[in-house]
Amino acid sequence: MNSITAEKDFPSAKNFVYLNAANVSLMYSGAENGIQDWFEDVALNGSNNFDDNAEQNVFKNLHLAASRLIIITDNISAGSSATELLGSLAWAVLPTKDQNVVSTKIVFPSTVYPWQRVANSTGCEIRLAKEKNNFVDVDDIIDLIDENTKVVCISHVEFSNGQTFDLDLLSEAAHEYDALFVVDATQSAGAIPIDVNKSPIDALVAGAYKWLCGPFGELSCMLHPSFWIS
């Protein structure tokens, strides 16, 4: 079998065929080297190199992430985990006791836990579409959406079975009731093309340690202007 990667980018791939990026990917050597260089610089120089140029360079990777999602750079941010950023989004939206949040029973826990925590404080309803033989019928998700739905939050690809949801269909269903459509793309970004304008998606988060071949502790977040207005 011929390698689909350059040896310099993934040196260990010369030793084995790695097929488990859906769990944790091999890290791109450029990312590994960049992280090591940064830590070495801090260890040796402290804050001596924390100047305006260094601050601007931080945003280069955010601009690259924005280009991959076909959005303007003002709409992209970064964080350390899906739990962190989804938690921030949940508290920013703050669904009230007469509103509901829709997701699935088999969604990755950190995708729905932030909304459940907010529900404990505000009394909003959490509606989870049930699985049948470990799969969720997309119509069962749509049936839970109504005029009181504030957010529809799903994983693009379910972690337990690889089920991939139609983002266009769910986006249309959510926006029919003026609900926000939030997508955790950690399981899909880098493997499945995502156009947040075509769908459209109000907020998307994607961890780097799977198909994006990056490190733990790095996550990109896209916020559509509609999210700011809400």
C-alpha atoms as a PDB file:
ATOM      1  CA  MET A   1       0.000   0.000   0.000  1.00  0.00           C
ATOM      2  CA  ASN A   2       1.356   3.398  -0.984  1.00  0.00           C
ATOM      3  CA  SER A   3       1.411   6.069   1.699  1.00  0.00           C
ATOM      4  CA  ILE A   4      -0.932   9.038   1.266  1.00  0.00           C
ATOM      5  CA  THR A   5       1.307  11.195   3.477  1.00  0.00           C
ATOM      6  CA  ALA A   6       4.797  12.592   3.171  1.00  0.00           C
ATOM      7  CA  GLU A   7       7.233  10.874   5.527  1.00  0.00           C
ATOM      8  CA  LYS A   8       8.484  14.218   6.847  1.00  0.00           C
ATOM      9  CA  ASP A   9       4.946  15.235   7.816  1.00  0.00           C
ATOM     10  CA  PHE A  10       4.106  12.005   9.674  1.00  0.00           C
ATOM     11  CA  PRO A  11       7.420  10.201  10.343  1.00  0.00           C
ATOM     12  CA  SER A  12       5.916   7.295  12.279  1.00  0.00           C
ATOM     13  CA  ALA A  13       3.651   6.406   9.343  1.00  0.00           C
ATOM     14  CA  LYS A  14       6.619   4.618   7.760  1.00  0.00           C
ATOM     15  CA  ASN A  15       6.379   2.042  10.555  1.00  0.00           C
ATOM     16  CA  PHE A  16       2.681   1.205  10.411  1.00  0.00           C
ATOM     17  CA  VAL A  17      -0.636   1.911   8.718  1.00  0.00           C
ATOM     18  CA  TYR A  18      -2.575   4.141  11.103  1.00  0.00           C
ATOM     19  CA  LEU A  19      -6.362   4.042  10.782  1.00  0.00           C
ATOM     20  CA  ASN A  20      -7.531   5.441  14.108  1.00  0.00           C
ATOM     21  CA  ALA A  21      -7.723   9.179  13.452  1.00  0.00           C
ATOM     22  CA  ALA A  22     -11.398   9.021  14.443  1.00  0.00           C
ATOM     23  CA  ASN A  23     -10.083   8.500  17.980  1.00  0.00           C
ATOM     24  CA  VAL A  24      -6.759  10.357  18.063  1.00  0.00           C
ATOM     25  CA  SER A  25      -4.785  11.209  14.934  1.00  0.00           C
ATOM     26  CA  LEU A  26      -1.074  11.177  14.385  1.00  0.00           C
ATOM     27  CA  MET A  27       0.033  14.781  14.787  1.00  0.00           C
ATOM     28  CA  TYR A  28       1.370  16.670  11.782  1.00  0.00           C
ATOM     29  CA  SER A  29       5.074  17.226  12.424  1.00  0.00           C
ATOM     30  CA  GLY A  30       4.765  20.927  11.607  1.00  0.00           C
ATOM     31  CA  ALA A  31       2.282  21.334  14.457  1.00  0.00           C
ATOM     32  CA  GLU A  32       4.480  19.352  16.839  1.00  0.00           C
ATOM     33  CA  ASN A  33       7.553  21.404  15.925  1.00  0.00           C
ATOM     34  CA  GLY A  34       5.661  24.662  16.266  1.00  0.00           C
ATOM     35  CA  ILE A  35       4.488  23.753  19.761  1.00  0.00           C
ATOM     36  CA  GLN A  36       7.957  22.647  20.843  1.00  0.00           C
ATOM     37  CA  ASP A  37       9.541  25.825  19.434  1.00  0.00           C
ATOM     38  CA  TRP A  38       7.067  27.987  21.338  1.00  0.00           C
ATOM     39  CA  PHE A  39       7.651  26.214  24.648  1.00  0.00           C
ATOM     40  CA  GLU A  40      11.412  26.377  24.173  1.00  0.00           C
ATOM     41  CA  ASP A  41      11.226  30.102  23.458  1.00  0.00           C
ATOM     42  CA  VAL A  42       9.169  30.718  26.601  1.00  0.00           C
ATOM     43  CA  ALA A  43      11.495  28.528  28.671  1.00  0.00           C
ATOM     44  CA  LEU A  44      14.616  30.341  27.457  1.00  0.00           C
ATOM     45  CA  ASN A  45      13.312  33.889  26.985  1.00  0.00           C
ATOM     46  CA  GLY A  46      10.272  34.291  29.199  1.00  0.00           C
ATOM     47  CA  SER A  47       8.182  37.183  27.885  1.00  0.00           C
ATOM     48  CA  ASN A  48      11.021  38.902  26.004  1.00  0.00           C
ATOM     49  CA  ASN A  49       9.526  37.943  22.638  1.00  0.00           C
ATOM     50  CA  PHE A  50       5.916  38.830  23.510  1.00  0.00           C
ATOM     51  CA  ASP A  51       5.795  41.828  21.174  1.00  0.00           C
ATOM     52  CA  ASP A  52       3.316  43.191  18.615  1.00  0.00           C
ATOM     53  CA  ASN A  53       4.635  40.896  15.880  1.00  0.00           C
ATOM     54  CA  ALA A  54       4.197  37.825  18.058  1.00  0.00           C
ATOM     55  CA  GLU A  55       0.652  38.900  18.872  1.00  0.00           C
ATOM     56  CA  GLN A  56      -0.218  39.313  15.200  1.00  0.00           C
ATOM     57  CA  ASN A  57       1.331  35.946  14.317  1.00  0.00           C
ATOM     58  CA  VAL A  58      -1.085  34.242  16.690  1.00  0.00           C
ATOM     59  CA  PHE A  59      -3.900  35.121  14.315  1.00  0.00           C
ATOM     60  CA  LYS A  60      -2.327  33.563  11.218  1.00  0.00           C
ATOM     61  CA  ASN A  61      -3.603  30.100  12.084  1.00  0.00           C
ATOM     62  CA  LEU A  62      -7.048  31.500  12.874  1.00  0.00           C
ATOM     63  CA  HIS A  63      -7.125  33.095   9.436  1.00  0.00           C
ATOM     64  CA  LEU A  64      -6.151  29.744   7.909  1.00  0.00           C
ATOM     65  CA  ALA A  65      -8.940  28.007   9.834  1.00  0.00           C
ATOM     66  CA  ALA A  66     -11.382  30.623   8.587  1.00  0.00           C
ATOM     67  CA  SER A  67     -10.346  30.008   4.984  1.00  0.00           C
ATOM     68  CA  ARG A  68     -10.960  26.268   5.406  1.00  0.00           C
ATOM     69  CA  LEU A  69     -14.504  26.996   6.567  1.00  0.00           C
ATOM     70  CA  ILE A  70     -15.043  29.658   3.866  1.00  0.00           C
ATOM     71  CA  ILE A  71     -15.814  32.438   6.341  1.00  0.00           C
ATOM     72  CA  ILE A  72     -14.385  35.864   7.116  1.00  0.00           C
ATOM     73  CA  THR A  73     -11.711  36.003   9.789  1.00  0.00           C
ATOM     74  CA  ASP A  74     -13.819  38.129  12.154  1.00  0.00           C
ATOM     75  CA  ASN A  75     -16.054  35.099  12.694  1.00  0.00           C
ATOM     76  CA  ILE A  76     -13.396  32.677  13.958  1.00  0.00           C
ATOM     77  CA  SER A  77     -12.003  32.149  17.445  1.00  0.00           C
ATOM     78  CA  ALA A  78     -10.012  29.527  19.327  1.00  0.00           C
ATOM     79  CA  GLY A  79     -10.151  27.738  22.658  1.00  0.00           C
ATOM     80  CA  SER A  80      -8.801  24.727  24.493  1.00  0.00           C
ATOM     81  CA  SER A  81     -11.723  22.291  24.221  1.00  0.00           C
ATOM     82  CA  ALA A  82     -15.244  21.770  22.926  1.00  0.00           C
ATOM     83  CA  THR A  83     -16.501  21.726  26.510  1.00  0.00           C
ATOM     84  CA  GLU A  84     -14.970  25.143  27.173  1.00  0.00           C
ATOM     85  CA  LEU A  85     -16.356  26.867  24.095  1.00  0.00           C
ATOM     86  CA  LEU A  86     -19.748  25.155  24.097  1.00  0.00           C
ATOM     87  CA  GLY A  87     -20.020  26.113  27.758  1.00  0.00           C
ATOM     88  CA  SER A  88     -19.320  29.737  26.865  1.00  0.00           C
ATOM     89  CA  LEU A  89     -21.907  29.598  24.089  1.00  0.00           C
ATOM     90  CA  ALA A  90     -24.506  27.999  26.355  1.00  0.00           C
ATOM     91  CA  TRP A  91     -24.142  30.665  29.026  1.00  0.00           C
ATOM     92  CA  ALA A  92     -24.174  33.409  26.392  1.00  0.00           C
ATOM     93  CA  VAL A  93     -27.429  32.138  24.875  1.00  0.00           C
ATOM     94  CA  LEU A  94     -28.933  31.259  28.296  1.00  0.00           C
ATOM     95  CA  PRO A  95     -32.176  29.532  27.223  1.00  0.00           C
ATOM     96  CA  THR A  96     -34.997  30.383  29.624  1.00  0.00           C
ATOM     97  CA  LYS A  97     -37.478  28.089  31.370  1.00  0.00           C
ATOM     98  CA  ASP A  98     -40.034  28.440  28.585  1.00  0.00           C
ATOM     99  CA  GLN A  99     -37.476  27.445  25.920  1.00  0.00           C
ATOM    100  CA  ASN A 100     -35.856  24.157  24.934  1.00  0.00           C
ATOM    101  CA  VAL A 101     -32.601  22.784  23.536  1.00  0.00           C
ATOM    102  CA  VAL A 102     -32.679  19.848  21.092  1.00  0.00           C
ATOM    103  CA  SER A 103     -29.966  17.201  20.696  1.00  0.00           C
ATOM    104  CA  THR A 104     -29.694  13.391  20.662  1.00  0.00           C
ATOM    105  CA  LYS A 105     -29.419  10.657  23.281  1.00  0.00           C
ATOM    106  CA  ILE A 106     -26.168   9.359  21.795  1.00  0.00           C
ATOM    107  CA  VAL A 107     -24.407  12.684  21.252  1.00  0.00           C
ATOM    108  CA  PHE A 108     -20.887  12.992  22.671  1.00  0.00           C
ATOM    109  CA  PRO A 109     -21.343  13.977  26.338  1.00  0.00           C
ATOM    110  CA  SER A 110     -19.435  17.277  26.166  1.00  0.00           C
ATOM    111  CA  THR A 111     -21.702  18.425  23.330  1.00  0.00           C
ATOM    112  CA  VAL A 112     -24.817  18.400  25.504  1.00  0.00           C
ATOM    113  CA  TYR A 113     -23.489  18.730  29.081  1.00  0.00           C
ATOM    114  CA  PRO A 114     -23.029  22.539  28.867  1.00  0.00           C
ATOM    115  CA  TRP A 115     -26.686  22.965  27.916  1.00  0.00           C
ATOM    116  CA  GLN A 116     -27.770  20.630  30.706  1.00  0.00           C
ATOM    117  CA  ARG A 117     -25.776  22.720  33.179  1.00  0.00           C
ATOM    118  CA  VAL A 118     -27.546  25.870  32.003  1.00  0.00           C
ATOM    119  CA  ALA A 119     -30.869  24.034  32.239  1.00  0.00           C
ATOM    120  CA  ASN A 120     -30.145  23.318  35.900  1.00  0.00           C
ATOM    121  CA  SER A 121     -29.985  27.074  36.474  1.00  0.00           C
ATOM    122  CA  THR A 122     -32.664  28.429  34.146  1.00  0.00           C
ATOM    123  CA  GLY A 123     -35.127  25.538  33.967  1.00  0.00           C
ATOM    124  CA  CYS A 124     -34.993  25.259  30.184  1.00  0.00           C
ATOM    125  CA  GLU A 125     -35.993  21.896  28.717  1.00  0.00           C
ATOM    126  CA  ILE A 126     -33.443  19.523  27.196  1.00  0.00           C
ATOM    127  CA  ARG A 127     -34.981  17.383  24.448  1.00  0.00           C
ATOM    128  CA  LEU A 128     -32.961  14.381  23.287  1.00  0.00           C
ATOM    129  CA  ALA A 129     -33.961  12.327  20.255  1.00  0.00           C
ATOM    130  CA  LYS A 130     -33.881   8.632  21.135  1.00  0.00           C
ATOM    131  CA  GLU A 131     -31.808   6.119  19.229  1.00  0.00           C
ATOM    132  CA  LYS A 132     -33.080   2.957  17.591  1.00  0.00           C
ATOM    133  CA  ASN A 133     -30.434   0.232  17.339  1.00  0.00           C
ATOM    134  CA  ASN A 134     -27.904   2.932  18.255  1.00  0.00           C
ATOM    135  CA  PHE A 135     -28.891   5.193  15.351  1.00  0.00           C
ATOM    136  CA  VAL A 136     -31.033   8.335  15.428  1.00  0.00           C
ATOM    137  CA  ASP A 137     -33.623   9.021  12.750  1.00  0.00           C
ATOM    138  CA  VAL A 138     -33.111  12.636  11.683  1.00  0.00           C
ATOM    139  CA  ASP A 139     -36.897  13.060  11.556  1.00  0.00           C
ATOM    140  CA  ASP A 140     -36.997  12.298  15.277  1.00  0.00           C
ATOM    141  CA  ILE A 141     -34.693  15.262  15.858  1.00  0.00           C
ATOM    142  CA  ILE A 142     -36.797  17.524  13.664  1.00  0.00           C
ATOM    143  CA  ASP A 143     -39.990  16.449  15.432  1.00  0.00           C
ATOM    144  CA  LEU A 144     -38.591  17.835  18.703  1.00  0.00           C
ATOM    145  CA  ILE A 145     -38.080  21.314  17.250  1.00  0.00           C
ATOM    146  CA  ASP A 146     -40.876  23.833  17.790  1.00  0.00           C
ATOM    147  CA  GLU A 147     -41.541  27.537  18.336  1.00  0.00           C
ATOM    148  CA  ASN A 148     -39.962  27.333  21.804  1.00  0.00           C
ATOM    149  CA  THR A 149     -36.681  25.807  20.614  1.00  0.00           C
ATOM    150  CA  LYS A 150     -33.755  28.122  21.257  1.00  0.00           C
ATOM    151  CA  VAL A 151     -30.920  25.841  20.133  1.00  0.00           C
ATOM    152  CA  VAL A 152     -30.420  22.682  18.102  1.00  0.00           C
ATOM    153  CA  CYS A 153     -26.992  21.297  19.058  1.00  0.00           C
ATOM    154  CA  ILE A 154     -25.671  18.126  17.440  1.00  0.00           C
ATOM    155  CA  SER A 155     -22.449  16.348  16.544  1.00  0.00           C
ATOM    156  CA  HIS A 156     -21.953  16.321  12.781  1.00  0.00           C
ATOM    157  CA  VAL A 157     -20.749  12.723  13.150  1.00  0.00           C
ATOM    158  CA  GLU A 158     -21.822  10.649  16.152  1.00  0.00           C
ATOM    159  CA  PHE A 159     -18.785   9.334  18.016  1.00  0.00           C
ATOM    160  CA  SER A 160     -20.285   5.937  18.846  1.00  0.00           C
ATOM    161  CA  ASN A 161     -21.299   4.755  15.386  1.00  0.00           C
ATOM    162  CA  GLY A 162     -20.112   7.185  12.693  1.00  0.00           C
ATOM    163  CA  GLN A 163     -23.634   8.315  11.806  1.00  0.00           C
ATOM    164  CA  THR A 164     -23.360  11.520   9.783  1.00  0.00           C
ATOM    165  CA  PHE A 165     -26.186  14.040   9.902  1.00  0.00           C
ATOM    166  CA  ASP A 166     -27.416  16.156   7.003  1.00  0.00           C
ATOM    167  CA  LEU A 167     -26.425  19.658   8.109  1.00  0.00           C
ATOM    168  CA  ASP A 168     -28.513  21.335   5.418  1.00  0.00           C
ATOM    169  CA  LEU A 169     -31.650  19.527   6.541  1.00  0.00           C
ATOM    170  CA  LEU A 170     -31.182  20.197  10.256  1.00  0.00           C
ATOM    171  CA  SER A 171     -30.176  23.802   9.653  1.00  0.00           C
ATOM    172  CA  GLU A 172     -33.362  24.390   7.688  1.00  0.00           C
ATOM    173  CA  ALA A 173     -35.456  22.748  10.406  1.00  0.00           C
ATOM    174  CA  ALA A 174     -33.857  24.835  13.160  1.00  0.00           C
ATOM    175  CA  HIS A 175     -34.082  28.132  11.312  1.00  0.00           C
ATOM    176  CA  GLU A 176     -37.723  27.534  10.415  1.00  0.00           C
ATOM    177  CA  TYR A 177     -38.389  28.278  14.094  1.00  0.00           C
ATOM    178  CA  ASP A 178     -35.605  30.888  14.433  1.00  0.00           C
ATOM    179  CA  ALA A 179     -33.560  28.490  16.573  1.00  0.00           C
ATOM    180  CA  LEU A 180     -29.771  28.603  16.604  1.00  0.00           C
ATOM    181  CA  PHE A 181     -28.019  25.679  14.916  1.00  0.00           C
ATOM    182  CA  VAL A 182     -24.858  24.639  16.779  1.00  0.00           C
ATOM    183  CA  VAL A 183     -22.583  21.884  15.437  1.00  0.00           C
ATOM    184  CA  ASP A 184     -19.736  20.001  17.098  1.00  0.00           C
ATOM    185  CA  ALA A 185     -17.579  18.988  14.131  1.00  0.00           C
ATOM    186  CA  THR A 186     -14.736  17.440  16.114  1.00  0.00           C
ATOM    187  CA  GLN A 187     -15.562  14.020  14.662  1.00  0.00           C
ATOM    188  CA  SER A 188     -15.757  15.262  11.056  1.00  0.00           C
ATOM    189  CA  ALA A 189     -13.633  18.370  10.419  1.00  0.00           C
ATOM    190  CA  GLY A 190     -10.693  17.463   8.224  1.00  0.00           C
ATOM    191  CA  ALA A 191     -12.385  14.354   6.842  1.00  0.00           C
ATOM    192  CA  ILE A 192     -15.700  15.739   5.566  1.00  0.00           C
ATOM    193  CA  PRO A 193     -15.872  19.117   3.771  1.00  0.00           C
ATOM    194  CA  ILE A 194     -17.973  21.652   5.688  1.00  0.00           C
ATOM    195  CA  ASP A 195     -19.311  24.886   4.198  1.00  0.00           C
ATOM    196  CA  VAL A 196     -20.892  26.837   7.045  1.00  0.00           C
ATOM    197  CA  ASN A 197     -22.449  29.300   4.605  1.00  0.00           C
ATOM    198  CA  LYS A 198     -24.173  26.657   2.506  1.00  0.00           C
ATOM    199  CA  SER A 199     -25.778  24.859   5.434  1.00  0.00           C
ATOM    200  CA  PRO A 200     -25.870  27.505   7.167  1.00  0.00           C
ATOM    201  CA  ILE A 201     -24.543  27.004  10.699  1.00  0.00           C
ATOM    202  CA  ASP A 202     -24.748  29.564  13.499  1.00  0.00           C
ATOM    203  CA  ALA A 203     -21.886  28.150  15.575  1.00  0.00           C
ATOM    204  CA  LEU A 204     -19.406  25.367  14.866  1.00  0.00           C
ATOM    205  CA  VAL A 205     -16.657  23.970  17.078  1.00  0.00           C
ATOM    206  CA  ALA A 206     -13.953  21.533  15.989  1.00  0.00           C
ATOM    207  CA  GLY A 207     -11.169  20.008  18.056  1.00  0.00           C
ATOM    208  CA  ALA A 208      -7.812  19.527  16.352  1.00  0.00           C
ATOM    209  CA  TYR A 209      -6.727  16.132  17.662  1.00  0.00           C
ATOM    210  CA  LYS A 210      -8.688  13.944  15.256  1.00  0.00           C
ATOM    211  CA  TRP A 211      -8.884  14.398  11.472  1.00  0.00           C
ATOM    212  CA  LEU A 212      -7.257  17.838  11.644  1.00  0.00           C
ATOM    213  CA  CYS A 213      -4.061  16.089  12.803  1.00  0.00           C
ATOM    214  CA  GLY A 214      -3.322  18.649  15.487  1.00  0.00           C
ATOM    215  CA  PRO A 215      -2.766  18.642  19.240  1.00  0.00           C
ATOM    216  CA  PHE A 216      -5.026  18.248  22.221  1.00  0.00           C
ATOM    217  CA  GLY A 217      -5.925  21.574  23.813  1.00  0.00           C
ATOM    218  CA  GLU A 218      -6.658  23.386  20.537  1.00  0.00           C
ATOM    219  CA  LEU A 219     -10.106  24.032  19.161  1.00  0.00           C
ATOM    220  CA  SER A 220     -11.489  26.333  16.481  1.00  0.00           C
ATOM    221  CA  CYS A 221     -14.879  27.985  16.820  1.00  0.00           C
ATOM    222  CA  MET A 222     -16.927  29.696  14.125  1.00  0.00           C
ATOM    223  CA  LEU A 223     -19.648  32.152  15.122  1.00  0.00           C
ATOM    224  CA  HIS A 224     -22.030  33.457  12.476  1.00  0.00           C
ATOM    225  CA  PRO A 225     -23.128  37.092  12.984  1.00  0.00           C
ATOM    226  CA  SER A 226     -26.644  35.763  13.649  1.00  0.00           C
ATOM    227  CA  PHE A 227     -25.273  34.296  16.873  1.00  0.00           C
ATOM    228  CA  TRP A 228     -24.046  37.687  18.025  1.00  0.00           C
ATOM    229  CA  ILE A 229     -27.433  39.267  17.360  1.00  0.00           C
ATOM    230  CA  SER A 230     -29.267  36.534  19.261  1.00  0.00           C
END
